[in-house]
Amino acid sequence: MASRRERLRAQGLRPVQHWVPDLRDPKVLADIRREAAMLSRHPEDAVIDEWLDTVRDPADWS
């Protein structure tokens, strides 16, 4: 692993630690579902969805 890290550093990269929600935790899932439900009831939800459909390009996702 050390040699791989050195090769990556030689390429100008550096390690970065990312913390993400633990989707195995029921409390985290409940919070995400609660927040998603609140967002879906936002008065401008349809307008925001329409804008996202306009500006996003799924071809860029791969």
PDB file of N, CA and C in Angstrom:
ATOM      1  N   MET A   1       0.819  -1.186   0.000  1.00  0.00           N
ATOM      2  CA  MET A   1       0.000   0.000   0.000  1.00  0.00           C
ATOM      3  C   MET A   1       0.870   1.259   0.000  1.00  0.00           C
ATOM      4  N   ALA A   2       1.964   1.216   0.713  1.00  0.00           N
ATOM      5  CA  ALA A   2       2.841   2.390   0.780  1.00  0.00           C
ATOM      6  C   ALA A   2       3.400   2.735  -0.598  1.00  0.00           C
ATOM      7  N   SER A   3       3.780   1.707  -1.368  1.00  0.00           N
ATOM      8  CA  SER A   3       4.336   1.990  -2.696  1.00  0.00           C
ATOM      9  C   SER A   3       3.264   2.569  -3.625  1.00  0.00           C
ATOM     10  N   ARG A   4       2.038   2.090  -3.490  1.00  0.00           N
ATOM     11  CA  ARG A   4       0.941   2.642  -4.299  1.00  0.00           C
ATOM     12  C   ARG A   4       0.723   4.115  -3.949  1.00  0.00           C
ATOM     13  N   ARG A   5       0.741   4.423  -2.659  1.00  0.00           N
ATOM     14  CA  ARG A   5       0.567   5.816  -2.247  1.00  0.00           C
ATOM     15  C   ARG A   5       1.694   6.696  -2.762  1.00  0.00           C
ATOM     16  N   GLU A   6       2.893   6.172  -2.754  1.00  0.00           N
ATOM     17  CA  GLU A   6       4.023   6.948  -3.268  1.00  0.00           C
ATOM     18  C   GLU A   6       3.884   7.204  -4.762  1.00  0.00           C
ATOM     19  N   ARG A   7       3.426   6.184  -5.516  1.00  0.00           N
ATOM     20  CA  ARG A   7       3.202   6.375  -6.955  1.00  0.00           C
ATOM     21  C   ARG A   7       2.136   7.446  -7.198  1.00  0.00           C
ATOM     22  N   LEU A   8       1.091   7.405  -6.410  1.00  0.00           N
ATOM     23  CA  LEU A   8       0.026   8.401  -6.561  1.00  0.00           C
ATOM     24  C   LEU A   8       0.535   9.799  -6.207  1.00  0.00           C
ATOM     25  N   ARG A   9       1.324   9.894  -5.155  1.00  0.00           N
ATOM     26  CA  ARG A   9       1.893  11.195  -4.789  1.00  0.00           C
ATOM     27  C   ARG A   9       2.816  11.707  -5.901  1.00  0.00           C
ATOM     28  N   ALA A  10       3.556  10.792  -6.525  1.00  0.00           N
ATOM     29  CA  ALA A  10       4.446  11.176  -7.617  1.00  0.00           C
ATOM     30  C   ALA A  10       3.647  11.716  -8.807  1.00  0.00           C
ATOM     31  N   GLN A  11       2.382  11.340  -8.903  1.00  0.00           N
ATOM     32  CA  GLN A  11       1.504  11.828  -9.969  1.00  0.00           C
ATOM     33  C   GLN A  11       0.832  13.151  -9.582  1.00  0.00           C
ATOM     34  N   GLY A  12       1.199  13.681  -8.416  1.00  0.00           N
ATOM     35  CA  GLY A  12       0.627  14.945  -7.976  1.00  0.00           C
ATOM     36  C   GLY A  12      -0.667  14.803  -7.207  1.00  0.00           C
ATOM     37  N   LEU A  13      -0.978  13.608  -6.753  1.00  0.00           N
ATOM     38  CA  LEU A  13      -2.207  13.376  -5.991  1.00  0.00           C
ATOM     39  C   LEU A  13      -1.890  13.319  -4.508  1.00  0.00           C
ATOM     40  N   ARG A  14      -2.904  13.545  -3.695  1.00  0.00           N
ATOM     41  CA  ARG A  14      -2.723  13.433  -2.258  1.00  0.00           C
ATOM     42  C   ARG A  14      -3.937  12.737  -1.666  1.00  0.00           C
ATOM     43  N   PRO A  15      -3.757  12.025  -0.576  1.00  0.00           N
ATOM     44  CA  PRO A  15      -4.901  11.329   0.035  1.00  0.00           C
ATOM     45  C   PRO A  15      -5.814  12.324   0.751  1.00  0.00           C
ATOM     46  N   VAL A  16      -7.104  12.069   0.650  1.00  0.00           N
ATOM     47  CA  VAL A  16      -8.106  12.891   1.320  1.00  0.00           C
ATOM     48  C   VAL A  16      -9.114  11.950   1.954  1.00  0.00           C
ATOM     49  N   GLN A  17      -9.466  12.221   3.192  1.00  0.00           N
ATOM     50  CA  GLN A  17     -10.449  11.384   3.874  1.00  0.00           C
ATOM     51  C   GLN A  17     -11.828  12.014   3.729  1.00  0.00           C
ATOM     52  N   HIS A  18     -12.803  11.216   3.334  1.00  0.00           N
ATOM     53  CA  HIS A  18     -14.185  11.687   3.177  1.00  0.00           C
ATOM     54  C   HIS A  18     -15.072  10.963   4.173  1.00  0.00           C
ATOM     55  N   TRP A  19     -15.899  11.705   4.834  1.00  0.00           N
ATOM     56  CA  TRP A  19     -16.883  11.122   5.733  1.00  0.00           C
ATOM     57  C   TRP A  19     -18.241  11.198   5.060  1.00  0.00           C
ATOM     58  N   VAL A  20     -18.921  10.082   4.998  1.00  0.00           N
ATOM     59  CA  VAL A  20     -20.228  10.016   4.344  1.00  0.00           C
ATOM     60  C   VAL A  20     -21.242   9.427   5.312  1.00  0.00           C
ATOM     61  N   PRO A  21     -22.513   9.679   5.090  1.00  0.00           N
ATOM     62  CA  PRO A  21     -23.526   9.106   5.971  1.00  0.00           C
ATOM     63  C   PRO A  21     -23.455   7.575   5.957  1.00  0.00           C
ATOM     64  N   ASP A  22     -23.601   6.981   7.134  1.00  0.00           N
ATOM     65  CA  ASP A  22     -23.593   5.521   7.268  1.00  0.00           C
ATOM     66  C   ASP A  22     -25.007   5.011   7.021  1.00  0.00           C
ATOM     67  N   LEU A  23     -25.258   4.546   5.808  1.00  0.00           N
ATOM     68  CA  LEU A  23     -26.603   4.116   5.428  1.00  0.00           C
ATOM     69  C   LEU A  23     -27.024   2.819   6.108  1.00  0.00           C
ATOM     70  N   ARG A  24     -26.121   2.199   6.856  1.00  0.00           N
ATOM     71  CA  ARG A  24     -26.479   1.003   7.621  1.00  0.00           C
ATOM     72  C   ARG A  24     -27.136   1.373   8.941  1.00  0.00           C
ATOM     73  N   ASP A  25     -27.036   2.635   9.328  1.00  0.00           N
ATOM     74  CA  ASP A  25     -27.573   3.109  10.599  1.00  0.00           C
ATOM     75  C   ASP A  25     -29.042   3.499  10.414  1.00  0.00           C
ATOM     76  N   PRO A  26     -29.956   2.839  11.104  1.00  0.00           N
ATOM     77  CA  PRO A  26     -31.384   3.149  10.938  1.00  0.00           C
ATOM     78  C   PRO A  26     -31.717   4.611  11.237  1.00  0.00           C
ATOM     79  N   LYS A  27     -31.033   5.223  12.200  1.00  0.00           N
ATOM     80  CA  LYS A  27     -31.295   6.633  12.519  1.00  0.00           C
ATOM     81  C   LYS A  27     -30.904   7.524  11.350  1.00  0.00           C
ATOM     82  N   VAL A  28     -29.797   7.224  10.711  1.00  0.00           N
ATOM     83  CA  VAL A  28     -29.356   8.010   9.553  1.00  0.00           C
ATOM     84  C   VAL A  28     -30.378   7.875   8.425  1.00  0.00           C
ATOM     85  N   LEU A  29     -30.814   6.648   8.156  1.00  0.00           N
ATOM     86  CA  LEU A  29     -31.812   6.438   7.104  1.00  0.00           C
ATOM     87  C   LEU A  29     -33.108   7.182   7.417  1.00  0.00           C
ATOM     88  N   ALA A  30     -33.526   7.144   8.681  1.00  0.00           N
ATOM     89  CA  ALA A  30     -34.753   7.848   9.066  1.00  0.00           C
ATOM     90  C   ALA A  30     -34.593   9.352   8.851  1.00  0.00           C
ATOM     91  N   ASP A  31     -33.433   9.899   9.202  1.00  0.00           N
ATOM     92  CA  ASP A  31     -33.189  11.329   8.997  1.00  0.00           C
ATOM     93  C   ASP A  31     -33.216  11.681   7.514  1.00  0.00           C
ATOM     94  N   ILE A  32     -32.606  10.849   6.679  1.00  0.00           N
ATOM     95  CA  ILE A  32     -32.584  11.099   5.236  1.00  0.00           C
ATOM     96  C   ILE A  32     -34.001  11.054   4.672  1.00  0.00           C
ATOM     97  N   ARG A  33     -34.765  10.059   5.091  1.00  0.00           N
ATOM     98  CA  ARG A  33     -36.151   9.953   4.610  1.00  0.00           C
ATOM     99  C   ARG A  33     -36.993  11.148   5.060  1.00  0.00           C
ATOM    100  N   ARG A  34     -36.798  11.579   6.313  1.00  0.00           N
ATOM    101  CA  ARG A  34     -37.532  12.736   6.835  1.00  0.00           C
ATOM    102  C   ARG A  34     -37.195  13.990   6.033  1.00  0.00           C
ATOM    103  N   GLU A  35     -35.897  14.188   5.775  1.00  0.00           N
ATOM    104  CA  GLU A  35     -35.477  15.373   5.021  1.00  0.00           C
ATOM    105  C   GLU A  35     -35.972  15.316   3.573  1.00  0.00           C
ATOM    106  N   ALA A  36     -35.959  14.133   2.973  1.00  0.00           N
ATOM    107  CA  ALA A  36     -36.449  13.991   1.599  1.00  0.00           C
ATOM    108  C   ALA A  36     -37.946  14.296   1.530  1.00  0.00           C
ATOM    109  N   ALA A  37     -38.679  13.841   2.531  1.00  0.00           N
ATOM    110  CA  ALA A  37     -40.120  14.120   2.561  1.00  0.00           C
ATOM    111  C   ALA A  37     -40.370  15.620   2.693  1.00  0.00           C
ATOM    112  N   MET A  38     -39.579  16.289   3.535  1.00  0.00           N
ATOM    113  CA  MET A  38     -39.728  17.746   3.670  1.00  0.00           C
ATOM    114  C   MET A  38     -39.415  18.446   2.356  1.00  0.00           C
ATOM    115  N   LEU A  39     -38.360  18.016   1.682  1.00  0.00           N
ATOM    116  CA  LEU A  39     -37.998  18.635   0.404  1.00  0.00           C
ATOM    117  C   LEU A  39     -39.083  18.430  -0.638  1.00  0.00           C
ATOM    118  N   SER A  40     -39.705  17.252  -0.639  1.00  0.00           N
ATOM    119  CA  SER A  40     -40.729  16.975  -1.651  1.00  0.00           C
ATOM    120  C   SER A  40     -41.974  17.833  -1.451  1.00  0.00           C
ATOM    121  N   ARG A  41     -42.154  18.353  -0.244  1.00  0.00           N
ATOM    122  CA  ARG A  41     -43.309  19.225   0.033  1.00  0.00           C
ATOM    123  C   ARG A  41     -42.980  20.705  -0.150  1.00  0.00           C
ATOM    124  N   HIS A  42     -41.774  21.002  -0.572  1.00  0.00           N
ATOM    125  CA  HIS A  42     -41.379  22.406  -0.751  1.00  0.00           C
ATOM    126  C   HIS A  42     -42.274  23.029  -1.816  1.00  0.00           C
ATOM    127  N   PRO A  43     -42.721  24.268  -1.605  1.00  0.00           N
ATOM    128  CA  PRO A  43     -43.637  24.906  -2.559  1.00  0.00           C
ATOM    129  C   PRO A  43     -43.069  25.033  -3.973  1.00  0.00           C
ATOM    130  N   GLU A  44     -41.761  25.090  -4.098  1.00  0.00           N
ATOM    131  CA  GLU A  44     -41.158  25.241  -5.423  1.00  0.00           C
ATOM    132  C   GLU A  44     -40.572  23.934  -5.948  1.00  0.00           C
ATOM    133  N   ASP A  45     -41.014  22.815  -5.397  1.00  0.00           N
ATOM    134  CA  ASP A  45     -40.460  21.508  -5.768  1.00  0.00           C
ATOM    135  C   ASP A  45     -40.549  21.246  -7.270  1.00  0.00           C
ATOM    136  N   ALA A  46     -41.706  21.500  -7.866  1.00  0.00           N
ATOM    137  CA  ALA A  46     -41.888  21.228  -9.303  1.00  0.00           C
ATOM    138  C   ALA A  46     -40.978  22.122 -10.144  1.00  0.00           C
ATOM    139  N   VAL A  47     -40.833  23.379  -9.737  1.00  0.00           N
ATOM    140  CA  VAL A  47     -39.985  24.319 -10.478  1.00  0.00           C
ATOM    141  C   VAL A  47     -38.520  23.882 -10.392  1.00  0.00           C
ATOM    142  N   ILE A  48     -38.099  23.461  -9.208  1.00  0.00           N
ATOM    143  CA  ILE A  48     -36.715  23.010  -9.015  1.00  0.00           C
ATOM    144  C   ILE A  48     -36.459  21.746  -9.833  1.00  0.00           C
ATOM    145  N   ASP A  49     -37.403  20.789  -9.799  1.00  0.00           N
ATOM    146  CA  ASP A  49     -37.255  19.562 -10.594  1.00  0.00           C
ATOM    147  C   ASP A  49     -37.147  19.879 -12.082  1.00  0.00           C
ATOM    148  N   GLU A  50     -37.964  20.796 -12.551  1.00  0.00           N
ATOM    149  CA  GLU A  50     -37.927  21.180 -13.964  1.00  0.00           C
ATOM    150  C   GLU A  50     -36.562  21.785 -14.320  1.00  0.00           C
ATOM    151  N   TRP A  51     -36.062  22.653 -13.449  1.00  0.00           N
ATOM    152  CA  TRP A  51     -34.754  23.269 -13.686  1.00  0.00           C
ATOM    153  C   TRP A  51     -33.648  22.210 -13.720  1.00  0.00           C
ATOM    154  N   LEU A  52     -33.695  21.267 -12.769  1.00  0.00           N
ATOM    155  CA  LEU A  52     -32.693  20.200 -12.750  1.00  0.00           C
ATOM    156  C   LEU A  52     -32.735  19.381 -14.038  1.00  0.00           C
ATOM    157  N   ASP A  53     -33.931  19.062 -14.510  1.00  0.00           N
ATOM    158  CA  ASP A  53     -34.050  18.309 -15.755  1.00  0.00           C
ATOM    159  C   ASP A  53     -33.481  19.082 -16.937  1.00  0.00           C
ATOM    160  N   THR A  54     -33.565  20.404 -16.867  1.00  0.00           N
ATOM    161  CA  THR A  54     -33.059  21.251 -17.946  1.00  0.00           C
ATOM    162  C   THR A  54     -31.533  21.325 -17.948  1.00  0.00           C
ATOM    163  N   VAL A  55     -30.939  21.466 -16.771  1.00  0.00           N
ATOM    164  CA  VAL A  55     -29.490  21.729 -16.697  1.00  0.00           C
ATOM    165  C   VAL A  55     -28.638  20.472 -16.589  1.00  0.00           C
ATOM    166  N   ARG A  56     -29.196  19.361 -16.174  1.00  0.00           N
ATOM    167  CA  ARG A  56     -28.365  18.159 -16.008  1.00  0.00           C
ATOM    168  C   ARG A  56     -28.215  17.424 -17.333  1.00  0.00           C
ATOM    169  N   ASP A  57     -27.101  16.753 -17.454  1.00  0.00           N
ATOM    170  CA  ASP A  57     -26.828  15.963 -18.651  1.00  0.00           C
ATOM    171  C   ASP A  57     -26.413  14.569 -18.210  1.00  0.00           C
ATOM    172  N   PRO A  58     -27.344  13.614 -18.201  1.00  0.00           N
ATOM    173  CA  PRO A  58     -27.018  12.269 -17.735  1.00  0.00           C
ATOM    174  C   PRO A  58     -25.849  11.633 -18.498  1.00  0.00           C
ATOM    175  N   ALA A  59     -25.557  12.098 -19.700  1.00  0.00           N
ATOM    176  CA  ALA A  59     -24.427  11.553 -20.462  1.00  0.00           C
ATOM    177  C   ALA A  59     -23.100  11.823 -19.750  1.00  0.00           C
ATOM    178  N   ASP A  60     -23.056  12.861 -18.918  1.00  0.00           N
ATOM    179  CA  ASP A  60     -21.847  13.186 -18.171  1.00  0.00           C
ATOM    180  C   ASP A  60     -21.636  12.308 -16.952  1.00  0.00           C
ATOM    181  N   TRP A  61     -22.592  11.464 -16.600  1.00  0.00           N
ATOM    182  CA  TRP A  61     -22.531  10.698 -15.369  1.00  0.00           C
ATOM    183  C   TRP A  61     -21.638   9.483 -15.459  1.00  0.00           C
ATOM    184  N   SER A  62     -21.280   9.073 -16.648  1.00  0.00           N
ATOM    185  CA  SER A  62     -20.469   7.842 -16.751  1.00  0.00           C
ATOM    186  C   SER A  62     -19.031   8.141 -17.024  1.00  0.00           C
TER     187      SER A  62
END
